[in-house]
N, C-alpha and C. Protein backbone atom coordinates (compact mmCIF):
# COMPACT_ATOMS: atom_id res chain seq x y z
N MET A 1 0.82 -1.20 0.00
CA MET A 1 0.00 0.00 0.00
C MET A 1 0.86 1.26 0.00
N LYS A 2 1.94 1.21 0.82
CA LYS A 2 2.84 2.35 0.90
C LYS A 2 3.50 2.63 -0.44
N ARG A 3 3.87 1.52 -1.14
CA ARG A 3 4.50 1.67 -2.45
C ARG A 3 3.53 2.29 -3.45
N ILE A 4 2.26 1.90 -3.35
CA ILE A 4 1.24 2.45 -4.25
C ILE A 4 1.07 3.95 -4.03
N ALA A 5 1.08 4.32 -2.73
CA ALA A 5 0.92 5.74 -2.40
C ALA A 5 2.10 6.55 -2.93
N ILE A 6 3.29 5.98 -2.74
CA ILE A 6 4.49 6.67 -3.22
C ILE A 6 4.45 6.82 -4.75
N ALA A 7 4.00 5.76 -5.43
CA ALA A 7 3.92 5.79 -6.89
C ALA A 7 2.90 6.83 -7.35
N ALA A 8 1.78 6.90 -6.61
CA ALA A 8 0.74 7.86 -6.97
C ALA A 8 1.26 9.29 -6.82
N VAL A 9 1.98 9.53 -5.72
CA VAL A 9 2.55 10.85 -5.50
C VAL A 9 3.54 11.19 -6.61
N ALA A 10 4.36 10.20 -6.97
CA ALA A 10 5.36 10.41 -8.01
C ALA A 10 4.70 10.77 -9.34
N ILE A 11 3.57 10.09 -9.63
CA ILE A 11 2.85 10.37 -10.86
C ILE A 11 2.29 11.78 -10.86
N LEU A 12 1.73 12.18 -9.68
CA LEU A 12 1.17 13.51 -9.57
C LEU A 12 2.25 14.59 -9.73
N VAL A 13 3.42 14.31 -9.10
CA VAL A 13 4.53 15.26 -9.22
C VAL A 13 4.98 15.37 -10.67
N ALA A 14 5.11 14.22 -11.31
CA ALA A 14 5.55 14.21 -12.71
C ALA A 14 4.56 14.95 -13.61
N ALA A 15 3.25 14.71 -13.33
CA ALA A 15 2.21 15.38 -14.12
C ALA A 15 2.26 16.89 -13.90
N GLY A 16 2.49 17.29 -12.64
CA GLY A 16 2.59 18.71 -12.34
C GLY A 16 3.76 19.35 -13.04
N LEU A 17 4.89 18.66 -13.01
CA LEU A 17 6.08 19.19 -13.69
C LEU A 17 5.86 19.29 -15.19
N ALA A 18 5.20 18.26 -15.72
CA ALA A 18 4.93 18.26 -17.16
C ALA A 18 4.00 19.41 -17.53
N TYR A 19 2.97 19.62 -16.68
CA TYR A 19 2.03 20.71 -16.94
C TYR A 19 2.72 22.06 -16.85
N ALA A 20 3.56 22.20 -15.81
CA ALA A 20 4.30 23.45 -15.66
C ALA A 20 5.24 23.68 -16.83
N GLY A 21 5.88 22.60 -17.26
CA GLY A 21 6.79 22.70 -18.41
C GLY A 21 6.05 23.08 -19.67
N TYR A 22 4.86 22.50 -19.86
CA TYR A 22 4.06 22.82 -21.05
C TYR A 22 3.59 24.27 -20.99
N GLY A 23 3.21 24.72 -19.78
CA GLY A 23 2.79 26.10 -19.62
C GLY A 23 3.91 27.07 -19.94
N LEU A 24 5.13 26.74 -19.50
CA LEU A 24 6.28 27.58 -19.80
C LEU A 24 6.56 27.60 -21.30
N TYR A 25 6.41 26.43 -21.93
CA TYR A 25 6.61 26.33 -23.38
C TYR A 25 5.59 27.21 -24.12
N GLN A 26 4.32 27.14 -23.69
CA GLN A 26 3.29 27.96 -24.32
C GLN A 26 3.58 29.45 -24.16
N LYS A 27 4.05 29.81 -22.97
CA LYS A 27 4.35 31.22 -22.70
C LYS A 27 5.47 31.71 -23.59
N ARG A 28 6.52 30.89 -23.71
CA ARG A 28 7.64 31.27 -24.57
C ARG A 28 7.22 31.35 -26.04
N ALA A 29 6.39 30.38 -26.45
CA ALA A 29 5.92 30.37 -27.84
C ALA A 29 5.07 31.61 -28.12
N LEU A 30 4.25 31.99 -27.15
CA LEU A 30 3.40 33.16 -27.33
C LEU A 30 4.24 34.42 -27.42
N ARG A 31 5.22 34.57 -26.55
CA ARG A 31 6.09 35.74 -26.59
C ARG A 31 6.85 35.80 -27.92
N ALA A 32 7.27 34.65 -28.42
CA ALA A 32 7.96 34.61 -29.70
C ALA A 32 7.03 35.04 -30.83
N GLN A 33 5.77 34.58 -30.77
CA GLN A 33 4.79 34.98 -31.79
C GLN A 33 4.53 36.48 -31.74
N VAL A 34 4.39 37.01 -30.55
CA VAL A 34 4.15 38.45 -30.39
C VAL A 34 5.34 39.24 -30.95
N ALA A 35 6.53 38.83 -30.58
CA ALA A 35 7.73 39.54 -31.04
C ALA A 35 7.84 39.51 -32.56
N GLN A 36 7.57 38.33 -33.14
CA GLN A 36 7.66 38.20 -34.59
C GLN A 36 6.60 39.07 -35.29
N THR A 37 5.40 39.08 -34.74
CA THR A 37 4.32 39.88 -35.33
C THR A 37 4.62 41.36 -35.25
N VAL A 38 5.11 41.80 -34.10
CA VAL A 38 5.45 43.22 -33.92
C VAL A 38 6.60 43.63 -34.83
N ASP A 39 7.64 42.79 -34.90
CA ASP A 39 8.79 43.12 -35.74
C ASP A 39 8.41 43.19 -37.22
N ALA A 40 7.58 42.23 -37.67
CA ALA A 40 7.19 42.20 -39.08
C ALA A 40 6.33 43.42 -39.42
N ALA A 41 5.40 43.76 -38.52
CA ALA A 41 4.56 44.94 -38.76
C ALA A 41 5.41 46.20 -38.78
N SER A 42 6.37 46.28 -37.88
CA SER A 42 7.25 47.45 -37.83
C SER A 42 8.08 47.57 -39.10
N ALA A 43 8.56 46.44 -39.60
CA ALA A 43 9.37 46.47 -40.82
C ALA A 43 8.56 47.02 -41.99
N ARG A 44 7.30 46.61 -42.09
CA ARG A 44 6.45 47.12 -43.17
C ARG A 44 6.19 48.61 -42.99
N LEU A 45 5.95 49.00 -41.75
CA LEU A 45 5.69 50.42 -41.49
C LEU A 45 6.92 51.27 -41.77
N ILE A 46 8.07 50.83 -41.31
CA ILE A 46 9.31 51.58 -41.54
C ILE A 46 9.53 51.76 -43.05
N GLY A 47 9.21 50.72 -43.81
CA GLY A 47 9.38 50.81 -45.26
C GLY A 47 8.42 51.78 -45.92
N SER A 48 7.26 52.01 -45.28
CA SER A 48 6.25 52.88 -45.90
C SER A 48 6.28 54.31 -45.41
N LEU A 49 6.91 54.56 -44.27
CA LEU A 49 6.89 55.90 -43.70
C LEU A 49 7.56 56.94 -44.61
N GLY A 50 8.53 56.50 -45.38
CA GLY A 50 9.23 57.42 -46.26
C GLY A 50 8.58 57.57 -47.63
N ALA A 51 7.43 56.93 -47.84
CA ALA A 51 6.78 56.99 -49.15
C ALA A 51 6.36 58.41 -49.49
N ASP A 52 6.47 58.75 -50.76
CA ASP A 52 6.09 60.07 -51.24
C ASP A 52 4.61 60.06 -51.60
N LEU A 53 3.76 60.46 -50.66
CA LEU A 53 2.33 60.45 -50.91
C LEU A 53 1.87 61.66 -51.71
N ALA A 54 2.77 62.61 -51.94
CA ALA A 54 2.44 63.75 -52.80
C ALA A 54 2.51 63.36 -54.27
N ALA A 55 3.32 62.35 -54.59
CA ALA A 55 3.44 61.88 -55.97
C ALA A 55 3.56 60.36 -55.96
N PRO A 56 2.50 59.66 -55.53
CA PRO A 56 2.56 58.21 -55.42
C PRO A 56 2.56 57.53 -56.79
N THR A 57 2.95 56.28 -56.80
CA THR A 57 2.96 55.48 -58.02
C THR A 57 2.06 54.26 -57.84
N ALA A 58 1.73 53.63 -58.95
CA ALA A 58 0.93 52.40 -58.89
C ALA A 58 1.69 51.30 -58.15
N THR A 59 3.01 51.30 -58.28
CA THR A 59 3.83 50.32 -57.58
C THR A 59 3.72 50.50 -56.07
N LEU A 60 3.71 51.74 -55.62
CA LEU A 60 3.54 52.00 -54.19
C LEU A 60 2.20 51.49 -53.70
N VAL A 61 1.15 51.72 -54.47
CA VAL A 61 -0.18 51.26 -54.08
C VAL A 61 -0.20 49.73 -53.95
N GLU A 62 0.42 49.05 -54.90
CA GLU A 62 0.48 47.59 -54.85
C GLU A 62 1.22 47.11 -53.61
N GLN A 63 2.33 47.77 -53.27
CA GLN A 63 3.10 47.39 -52.10
C GLN A 63 2.30 47.62 -50.81
N LEU A 64 1.61 48.73 -50.74
CA LEU A 64 0.79 49.02 -49.56
C LEU A 64 -0.36 48.03 -49.44
N ASP A 65 -0.90 47.59 -50.57
CA ASP A 65 -1.92 46.55 -50.55
C ASP A 65 -1.38 45.27 -49.91
N ARG A 66 -0.22 44.84 -50.37
CA ARG A 66 0.38 43.61 -49.83
C ARG A 66 0.71 43.78 -48.35
N ASP A 67 1.29 44.91 -48.00
CA ASP A 67 1.66 45.14 -46.60
C ASP A 67 0.43 45.12 -45.70
N SER A 68 -0.65 45.72 -46.16
CA SER A 68 -1.88 45.75 -45.37
C SER A 68 -2.45 44.34 -45.20
N GLU A 69 -2.48 43.58 -46.27
CA GLU A 69 -3.02 42.22 -46.19
C GLU A 69 -2.19 41.33 -45.26
N GLU A 70 -0.87 41.42 -45.36
CA GLU A 70 0.00 40.60 -44.53
C GLU A 70 -0.11 41.00 -43.05
N THR A 71 -0.19 42.29 -42.80
CA THR A 71 -0.30 42.77 -41.42
C THR A 71 -1.64 42.37 -40.83
N ASP A 72 -2.69 42.44 -41.62
CA ASP A 72 -4.02 42.05 -41.16
C ASP A 72 -4.04 40.56 -40.81
N ALA A 73 -3.45 39.74 -41.67
CA ALA A 73 -3.41 38.29 -41.41
C ALA A 73 -2.65 37.99 -40.13
N ALA A 74 -1.52 38.66 -39.92
CA ALA A 74 -0.73 38.45 -38.71
C ALA A 74 -1.48 38.91 -37.47
N LEU A 75 -2.22 39.99 -37.59
CA LEU A 75 -3.00 40.49 -36.45
C LEU A 75 -4.11 39.50 -36.08
N GLN A 76 -4.76 38.95 -37.09
CA GLN A 76 -5.80 37.96 -36.80
C GLN A 76 -5.21 36.72 -36.15
N GLY A 77 -4.00 36.33 -36.58
CA GLY A 77 -3.34 35.20 -35.95
C GLY A 77 -3.02 35.48 -34.49
N LEU A 78 -2.59 36.70 -34.20
CA LEU A 78 -2.30 37.09 -32.83
C LEU A 78 -3.56 37.07 -31.98
N ARG A 79 -4.65 37.52 -32.53
CA ARG A 79 -5.90 37.58 -31.79
C ARG A 79 -6.49 36.19 -31.51
N SER A 80 -6.10 35.22 -32.31
CA SER A 80 -6.61 33.86 -32.09
C SER A 80 -5.71 33.05 -31.15
N ALA A 81 -4.58 33.61 -30.74
CA ALA A 81 -3.66 32.91 -29.86
C ALA A 81 -4.17 32.92 -28.42
N PRO A 82 -3.86 31.86 -27.62
CA PRO A 82 -4.23 31.85 -26.20
C PRO A 82 -3.40 32.89 -25.44
N ALA A 83 -4.05 33.95 -24.99
CA ALA A 83 -3.31 35.10 -24.46
C ALA A 83 -3.31 35.19 -22.94
N ARG A 84 -3.90 34.21 -22.26
CA ARG A 84 -4.07 34.34 -20.81
C ARG A 84 -2.76 34.54 -20.08
N SER A 85 -1.72 33.83 -20.47
CA SER A 85 -0.46 33.89 -19.74
C SER A 85 0.29 35.21 -19.94
N GLU A 86 -0.02 35.92 -21.03
CA GLU A 86 0.69 37.16 -21.35
C GLU A 86 -0.29 38.23 -21.83
N ARG A 87 -1.40 38.36 -21.13
CA ARG A 87 -2.46 39.24 -21.61
C ARG A 87 -2.02 40.69 -21.79
N PRO A 88 -1.32 41.32 -20.83
CA PRO A 88 -0.91 42.72 -21.04
C PRO A 88 -0.04 42.89 -22.29
N LEU A 89 0.87 41.93 -22.52
CA LEU A 89 1.74 42.00 -23.68
C LEU A 89 0.95 41.85 -24.97
N VAL A 90 0.05 40.87 -24.99
CA VAL A 90 -0.74 40.63 -26.19
C VAL A 90 -1.65 41.82 -26.49
N GLU A 91 -2.25 42.41 -25.46
CA GLU A 91 -3.11 43.56 -25.67
C GLU A 91 -2.32 44.76 -26.20
N ALA A 92 -1.12 44.96 -25.67
CA ALA A 92 -0.28 46.05 -26.17
C ALA A 92 0.13 45.80 -27.61
N ALA A 93 0.47 44.55 -27.93
CA ALA A 93 0.85 44.22 -29.30
C ALA A 93 -0.34 44.38 -30.24
N ASP A 94 -1.52 43.98 -29.79
CA ASP A 94 -2.74 44.13 -30.59
C ASP A 94 -2.97 45.60 -30.92
N ALA A 95 -2.84 46.46 -29.91
CA ALA A 95 -3.06 47.89 -30.13
C ALA A 95 -2.03 48.46 -31.10
N TYR A 96 -0.78 48.05 -30.94
CA TYR A 96 0.28 48.57 -31.80
C TYR A 96 0.13 48.09 -33.24
N VAL A 97 -0.01 46.78 -33.41
CA VAL A 97 -0.12 46.23 -34.77
C VAL A 97 -1.41 46.72 -35.43
N GLY A 98 -2.49 46.85 -34.64
CA GLY A 98 -3.72 47.40 -35.19
C GLY A 98 -3.54 48.82 -35.68
N ASN A 99 -2.77 49.60 -34.94
CA ASN A 99 -2.49 50.97 -35.35
C ASN A 99 -1.63 51.01 -36.60
N VAL A 100 -0.64 50.12 -36.67
CA VAL A 100 0.19 50.02 -37.87
C VAL A 100 -0.67 49.68 -39.08
N LEU A 101 -1.57 48.71 -38.90
CA LEU A 101 -2.46 48.32 -39.99
C LEU A 101 -3.31 49.50 -40.45
N ALA A 102 -3.82 50.27 -39.48
CA ALA A 102 -4.63 51.44 -39.83
C ALA A 102 -3.82 52.46 -40.62
N VAL A 103 -2.57 52.66 -40.24
CA VAL A 103 -1.71 53.60 -40.97
C VAL A 103 -1.48 53.09 -42.39
N LEU A 104 -1.16 51.82 -42.54
CA LEU A 104 -0.90 51.27 -43.88
C LEU A 104 -2.13 51.40 -44.77
N LYS A 105 -3.30 51.13 -44.22
CA LYS A 105 -4.53 51.23 -45.01
C LYS A 105 -4.80 52.68 -45.41
N ARG A 106 -4.56 53.61 -44.49
CA ARG A 106 -4.78 55.02 -44.82
C ARG A 106 -3.75 55.53 -45.81
N GLN A 107 -2.51 55.04 -45.70
CA GLN A 107 -1.51 55.39 -46.71
C GLN A 107 -1.96 54.89 -48.08
N ASP A 108 -2.47 53.67 -48.10
CA ASP A 108 -2.97 53.10 -49.34
C ASP A 108 -4.11 53.95 -49.90
N GLY A 109 -5.06 54.30 -49.03
CA GLY A 109 -6.18 55.11 -49.48
C GLY A 109 -5.74 56.49 -49.95
N SER A 110 -4.78 57.08 -49.25
CA SER A 110 -4.28 58.40 -49.65
C SER A 110 -3.58 58.33 -50.99
N ALA A 111 -2.75 57.30 -51.19
CA ALA A 111 -2.04 57.15 -52.46
C ALA A 111 -3.00 56.92 -53.61
N ARG A 112 -3.98 56.04 -53.41
CA ARG A 112 -4.98 55.78 -54.44
C ARG A 112 -5.77 57.06 -54.75
N GLY A 113 -6.17 57.74 -53.69
CA GLY A 113 -6.94 58.96 -53.88
C GLY A 113 -6.17 60.03 -54.63
N ARG A 114 -4.88 60.14 -54.33
CA ARG A 114 -4.05 61.14 -55.01
C ARG A 114 -3.93 60.82 -56.49
N LEU A 115 -3.77 59.56 -56.82
CA LEU A 115 -3.68 59.17 -58.23
C LEU A 115 -4.99 59.44 -58.96
N ARG A 116 -6.12 59.09 -58.32
CA ARG A 116 -7.41 59.34 -58.96
C ARG A 116 -7.65 60.84 -59.13
N PHE A 117 -7.30 61.62 -58.11
CA PHE A 117 -7.47 63.06 -58.19
C PHE A 117 -6.63 63.64 -59.33
N ALA A 118 -5.39 63.18 -59.45
CA ALA A 118 -4.51 63.68 -60.51
C ALA A 118 -5.09 63.37 -61.89
N ASP A 119 -5.66 62.17 -62.04
CA ASP A 119 -6.28 61.80 -63.32
C ASP A 119 -7.50 62.68 -63.60
N SER A 120 -8.31 62.92 -62.58
CA SER A 120 -9.51 63.73 -62.76
C SER A 120 -9.15 65.18 -63.10
N ARG A 121 -8.14 65.70 -62.42
CA ARG A 121 -7.72 67.08 -62.69
C ARG A 121 -7.18 67.21 -64.12
N LYS A 122 -6.40 66.23 -64.54
CA LYS A 122 -5.86 66.25 -65.90
C LYS A 122 -6.97 66.18 -66.94
N ALA A 123 -7.94 65.29 -66.69
CA ALA A 123 -9.04 65.13 -67.66
C ALA A 123 -9.84 66.42 -67.77
N LEU A 124 -10.09 67.07 -66.64
CA LEU A 124 -10.85 68.31 -66.67
C LEU A 124 -10.06 69.41 -67.38
N ALA A 125 -8.78 69.52 -67.07
CA ALA A 125 -7.95 70.56 -67.70
C ALA A 125 -7.88 70.36 -69.21
N GLU A 126 -7.73 69.12 -69.66
CA GLU A 126 -7.64 68.85 -71.09
C GLU A 126 -8.96 69.18 -71.79
N HIS A 127 -10.06 68.85 -71.11
CA HIS A 127 -11.37 69.15 -71.71
C HIS A 127 -11.59 70.66 -71.81
N MET A 128 -11.25 71.38 -70.75
CA MET A 128 -11.45 72.83 -70.76
C MET A 128 -10.54 73.52 -71.77
N ALA A 129 -9.40 72.91 -72.07
CA ALA A 129 -8.49 73.48 -73.06
C ALA A 129 -9.06 73.40 -74.47
N ARG A 130 -10.08 72.57 -74.66
CA ARG A 130 -10.71 72.43 -75.98
C ARG A 130 -11.97 73.29 -76.09
N VAL A 131 -12.03 74.36 -75.32
CA VAL A 131 -13.22 75.21 -75.31
C VAL A 131 -13.52 75.79 -76.69
N GLY A 132 -12.49 76.02 -77.48
CA GLY A 132 -12.71 76.59 -78.82
C GLY A 132 -13.37 75.62 -79.76
N ARG A 133 -13.39 74.33 -79.40
CA ARG A 133 -14.01 73.33 -80.27
C ARG A 133 -15.24 72.72 -79.61
N ARG A 134 -15.89 73.51 -78.79
CA ARG A 134 -17.03 72.99 -78.05
C ARG A 134 -18.19 72.64 -78.98
N ASN A 135 -18.96 71.63 -78.57
CA ASN A 135 -20.19 71.25 -79.25
C ASN A 135 -21.30 71.20 -78.22
N GLU A 136 -22.44 70.65 -78.58
CA GLU A 136 -23.59 70.68 -77.66
C GLU A 136 -23.37 69.84 -76.41
N ASP A 137 -22.44 68.87 -76.47
CA ASP A 137 -22.17 68.03 -75.30
C ASP A 137 -21.03 68.57 -74.44
N TRP A 138 -20.37 69.61 -74.90
CA TRP A 138 -19.17 70.08 -74.21
C TRP A 138 -19.46 70.51 -72.79
N SER A 139 -20.51 71.29 -72.57
CA SER A 139 -20.83 71.79 -71.23
C SER A 139 -21.22 70.65 -70.29
N ASP A 140 -22.01 69.70 -70.79
CA ASP A 140 -22.41 68.56 -69.95
C ASP A 140 -21.19 67.75 -69.53
N THR A 141 -20.26 67.57 -70.45
CA THR A 141 -19.04 66.82 -70.13
C THR A 141 -18.22 67.56 -69.09
N ALA A 142 -18.13 68.88 -69.23
CA ALA A 142 -17.37 69.68 -68.26
C ALA A 142 -17.97 69.54 -66.87
N ILE A 143 -19.28 69.54 -66.78
CA ILE A 143 -19.93 69.39 -65.47
C ILE A 143 -19.65 68.01 -64.88
N ARG A 144 -19.72 66.98 -65.72
CA ARG A 144 -19.45 65.62 -65.23
C ARG A 144 -18.01 65.49 -64.74
N LEU A 145 -17.09 66.06 -65.48
CA LEU A 145 -15.69 65.99 -65.08
C LEU A 145 -15.45 66.77 -63.79
N LYS A 146 -16.13 67.89 -63.63
CA LYS A 146 -16.01 68.67 -62.40
C LYS A 146 -16.58 67.88 -61.21
N GLU A 147 -17.68 67.21 -61.41
CA GLU A 147 -18.27 66.39 -60.34
C GLU A 147 -17.35 65.23 -59.97
N ARG A 148 -16.72 64.65 -60.99
CA ARG A 148 -15.76 63.57 -60.72
C ARG A 148 -14.58 64.09 -59.92
N LEU A 149 -14.10 65.28 -60.28
CA LEU A 149 -12.99 65.89 -59.54
C LEU A 149 -13.39 66.12 -58.09
N ASP A 150 -14.58 66.64 -57.87
CA ASP A 150 -15.06 66.90 -56.51
C ASP A 150 -15.09 65.61 -55.69
N ALA A 151 -15.63 64.55 -56.28
CA ALA A 151 -15.76 63.28 -55.57
C ALA A 151 -14.40 62.67 -55.25
N ASP A 152 -13.48 62.71 -56.21
CA ASP A 152 -12.16 62.14 -55.98
C ASP A 152 -11.39 62.92 -54.92
N TYR A 153 -11.54 64.25 -54.96
CA TYR A 153 -10.85 65.05 -53.94
C TYR A 153 -11.44 64.79 -52.56
N PHE A 154 -12.74 64.65 -52.46
CA PHE A 154 -13.38 64.39 -51.17
C PHE A 154 -12.86 63.08 -50.57
N GLU A 155 -12.80 62.03 -51.39
CA GLU A 155 -12.30 60.74 -50.90
C GLU A 155 -10.83 60.84 -50.48
N TYR A 156 -10.05 61.55 -51.27
CA TYR A 156 -8.64 61.73 -50.92
C TYR A 156 -8.51 62.47 -49.60
N ARG A 157 -9.29 63.53 -49.42
CA ARG A 157 -9.19 64.33 -48.20
C ARG A 157 -9.57 63.51 -46.97
N ILE A 158 -10.60 62.68 -47.09
CA ILE A 158 -11.00 61.82 -45.97
C ILE A 158 -9.87 60.86 -45.60
N ALA A 159 -9.27 60.22 -46.61
CA ALA A 159 -8.19 59.25 -46.35
C ALA A 159 -6.98 59.93 -45.73
N THR A 160 -6.62 61.10 -46.23
CA THR A 160 -5.42 61.78 -45.75
C THR A 160 -5.62 62.35 -44.35
N THR A 161 -6.82 62.85 -44.07
CA THR A 161 -7.11 63.33 -42.72
C THR A 161 -7.04 62.19 -41.72
N SER A 162 -7.61 61.06 -42.10
CA SER A 162 -7.57 59.88 -41.23
C SER A 162 -6.14 59.39 -41.04
N LEU A 163 -5.33 59.46 -42.10
CA LEU A 163 -3.93 59.06 -41.99
C LEU A 163 -3.20 59.93 -40.98
N GLY A 164 -3.42 61.23 -41.04
CA GLY A 164 -2.79 62.12 -40.08
C GLY A 164 -3.18 61.78 -38.65
N ASN A 165 -4.46 61.43 -38.45
CA ASN A 165 -4.93 61.05 -37.11
C ASN A 165 -4.27 59.76 -36.63
N MET A 166 -4.18 58.77 -37.52
CA MET A 166 -3.59 57.49 -37.13
C MET A 166 -2.10 57.63 -36.81
N LEU A 167 -1.40 58.43 -37.59
CA LEU A 167 0.01 58.68 -37.32
C LEU A 167 0.18 59.44 -36.01
N GLY A 168 -0.77 60.30 -35.69
CA GLY A 168 -0.72 61.03 -34.44
C GLY A 168 -0.91 60.13 -33.23
N GLU A 169 -1.67 59.04 -33.40
CA GLU A 169 -1.93 58.11 -32.30
C GLU A 169 -0.84 57.04 -32.16
N LEU A 170 -0.06 56.86 -33.20
CA LEU A 170 0.92 55.77 -33.22
C LEU A 170 1.98 55.86 -32.12
N PRO A 171 2.54 57.03 -31.80
CA PRO A 171 3.58 57.07 -30.76
C PRO A 171 3.14 56.50 -29.42
N ALA A 172 1.88 56.70 -29.04
CA ALA A 172 1.40 56.17 -27.77
C ALA A 172 1.38 54.65 -27.79
N ALA A 173 0.90 54.07 -28.89
CA ALA A 173 0.89 52.60 -29.01
C ALA A 173 2.31 52.07 -29.07
N ARG A 174 3.19 52.80 -29.72
CA ARG A 174 4.60 52.41 -29.80
C ARG A 174 5.23 52.38 -28.41
N ALA A 175 4.96 53.40 -27.61
CA ALA A 175 5.56 53.49 -26.28
C ALA A 175 5.07 52.34 -25.39
N ARG A 176 3.82 51.97 -25.53
CA ARG A 176 3.25 50.90 -24.71
C ARG A 176 3.91 49.56 -25.00
N ILE A 177 4.08 49.23 -26.29
CA ILE A 177 4.69 47.94 -26.62
C ILE A 177 6.19 47.97 -26.35
N ALA A 178 6.81 49.13 -26.48
CA ALA A 178 8.25 49.25 -26.21
C ALA A 178 8.55 48.96 -24.74
N ALA A 179 7.64 49.35 -23.85
CA ALA A 179 7.85 49.13 -22.42
C ALA A 179 7.76 47.66 -22.06
N LEU A 180 6.93 46.90 -22.80
CA LEU A 180 6.74 45.49 -22.49
C LEU A 180 7.61 44.57 -23.34
N LEU A 181 8.08 45.09 -24.48
CA LEU A 181 8.90 44.29 -25.38
C LEU A 181 10.08 45.16 -25.84
N PRO A 182 11.00 45.46 -24.92
CA PRO A 182 12.07 46.41 -25.22
C PRO A 182 12.99 46.00 -26.37
N GLN A 183 13.05 44.70 -26.68
CA GLN A 183 13.94 44.26 -27.76
C GLN A 183 13.28 44.37 -29.13
N ALA A 184 12.02 44.81 -29.17
CA ALA A 184 11.30 44.87 -30.44
C ALA A 184 11.91 45.92 -31.37
N ARG A 185 11.82 45.66 -32.65
CA ARG A 185 12.27 46.61 -33.66
C ARG A 185 11.11 47.55 -33.96
N LEU A 186 11.22 48.80 -33.59
CA LEU A 186 10.14 49.76 -33.74
C LEU A 186 10.60 50.98 -34.54
N PRO A 187 9.68 51.64 -35.23
CA PRO A 187 10.06 52.85 -35.97
C PRO A 187 10.41 53.97 -35.00
N GLN A 188 11.32 54.83 -35.40
CA GLN A 188 11.68 55.97 -34.57
C GLN A 188 10.52 56.98 -34.53
N GLU A 189 10.32 57.59 -33.37
CA GLU A 189 9.25 58.58 -33.25
C GLU A 189 9.46 59.74 -34.23
N ALA A 190 10.71 60.11 -34.45
CA ALA A 190 10.99 61.20 -35.38
C ALA A 190 10.52 60.86 -36.79
N ALA A 191 10.66 59.60 -37.18
CA ALA A 191 10.22 59.18 -38.51
C ALA A 191 8.69 59.23 -38.61
N ILE A 192 8.02 58.89 -37.52
CA ILE A 192 6.55 58.94 -37.50
C ILE A 192 6.09 60.39 -37.62
N LYS A 193 6.70 61.27 -36.86
CA LYS A 193 6.32 62.69 -36.90
C LYS A 193 6.61 63.29 -38.28
N ASP A 194 7.73 62.90 -38.86
CA ASP A 194 8.08 63.42 -40.19
C ASP A 194 7.08 62.94 -41.24
N ALA A 195 6.68 61.67 -41.14
CA ALA A 195 5.71 61.13 -42.09
C ALA A 195 4.37 61.84 -41.96
N ARG A 196 3.99 62.14 -40.74
CA ARG A 196 2.73 62.87 -40.53
C ARG A 196 2.81 64.29 -41.11
N ALA A 197 3.93 64.94 -40.88
CA ALA A 197 4.10 66.29 -41.41
C ALA A 197 4.06 66.29 -42.94
N ARG A 198 4.69 65.30 -43.56
CA ARG A 198 4.71 65.24 -45.02
C ARG A 198 3.33 64.89 -45.57
N ALA A 199 2.58 64.06 -44.86
CA ALA A 199 1.21 63.72 -45.29
C ALA A 199 0.33 64.96 -45.25
N LEU A 200 0.45 65.74 -44.19
CA LEU A 200 -0.34 66.97 -44.08
C LEU A 200 0.08 67.99 -45.14
N SER A 201 1.38 68.04 -45.43
CA SER A 201 1.88 68.95 -46.46
C SER A 201 1.34 68.55 -47.83
N ALA A 202 1.32 67.25 -48.11
CA ALA A 202 0.79 66.76 -49.38
C ALA A 202 -0.70 67.07 -49.49
N ALA A 203 -1.40 66.95 -48.38
CA ALA A 203 -2.83 67.26 -48.38
C ALA A 203 -3.08 68.72 -48.69
N GLU A 204 -2.26 69.60 -48.13
CA GLU A 204 -2.42 71.03 -48.38
C GLU A 204 -2.10 71.37 -49.83
N ALA A 205 -1.06 70.75 -50.37
CA ALA A 205 -0.70 70.99 -51.77
C ALA A 205 -1.82 70.53 -52.69
N THR A 206 -2.43 69.40 -52.37
CA THR A 206 -3.53 68.88 -53.18
C THR A 206 -4.75 69.79 -53.06
N ARG A 207 -4.99 70.33 -51.88
CA ARG A 207 -6.11 71.26 -51.70
C ARG A 207 -5.95 72.48 -52.61
N LEU A 208 -4.74 72.99 -52.68
CA LEU A 208 -4.49 74.15 -53.54
C LEU A 208 -4.70 73.80 -55.01
N GLU A 209 -4.27 72.60 -55.40
CA GLU A 209 -4.50 72.16 -56.78
C GLU A 209 -5.99 72.06 -57.06
N PHE A 210 -6.73 71.56 -56.09
CA PHE A 210 -8.18 71.43 -56.24
C PHE A 210 -8.84 72.80 -56.41
N GLU A 211 -8.44 73.74 -55.57
CA GLU A 211 -9.01 75.08 -55.67
C GLU A 211 -8.71 75.71 -57.03
N GLN A 212 -7.51 75.49 -57.53
CA GLN A 212 -7.15 76.03 -58.84
C GLN A 212 -7.96 75.35 -59.95
N ALA A 213 -8.11 74.03 -59.83
CA ALA A 213 -8.85 73.29 -60.85
C ALA A 213 -10.31 73.71 -60.91
N LYS A 214 -10.89 74.04 -59.76
CA LYS A 214 -12.29 74.45 -59.73
C LYS A 214 -12.52 75.72 -60.54
N GLN A 215 -11.49 76.56 -60.61
CA GLN A 215 -11.63 77.81 -61.35
C GLN A 215 -11.74 77.59 -62.85
N LEU A 216 -11.42 76.39 -63.31
CA LEU A 216 -11.49 76.11 -64.75
C LEU A 216 -12.93 76.08 -65.24
N VAL A 217 -13.84 75.76 -64.34
CA VAL A 217 -15.26 75.64 -64.73
C VAL A 217 -16.01 76.86 -64.21
N PRO A 218 -16.47 77.73 -65.08
CA PRO A 218 -17.23 78.92 -64.63
C PRO A 218 -18.49 78.50 -63.91
N ARG A 219 -18.84 79.25 -62.89
CA ARG A 219 -20.08 78.95 -62.14
C ARG A 219 -21.29 79.50 -62.88
């Protein structure tokens, strides 16, 4: 009987050690997943912060599309992970990566909007330059092109304003994850502030272009 009791205790101890070991393994695996997700999101953000949103290209839009999709997939993977053992870390990472994703999406929207606006402005200018060859449809076409310009500029302005807001919120999320994951690769605050300033500058330049383009169509 004594031997049975000793064996039972030994089994319980072994099971406890195994459970503790598995818990430690899960915790380490979770921290590794968080670190990898944060680093990958940061790498994409660092690569996009220097983008020229005043004169974007189709290639930039494609890259921002990919970056957004990959960051979104990684964020969903993080959210599906068992976070109980490292909840504060996972929540901080969720907030940071979510903010990065929001910035990437707004950069994408701003770049797309700028390209559409540039096309609309060019189409309107070219049409108005043919005023000497106007026909009965000329005025209707001018109105349609002006309406298209208005709509494209409105969408661009919404995306760029939102981008400025998201970049303004990013330093706080960055500071939170930096405190819990000091070894993480994060963008410099100066780069974030510079990107926000350039986005706002591009928005103002586009606003001036819009105001000038509106003058092409007499009221």
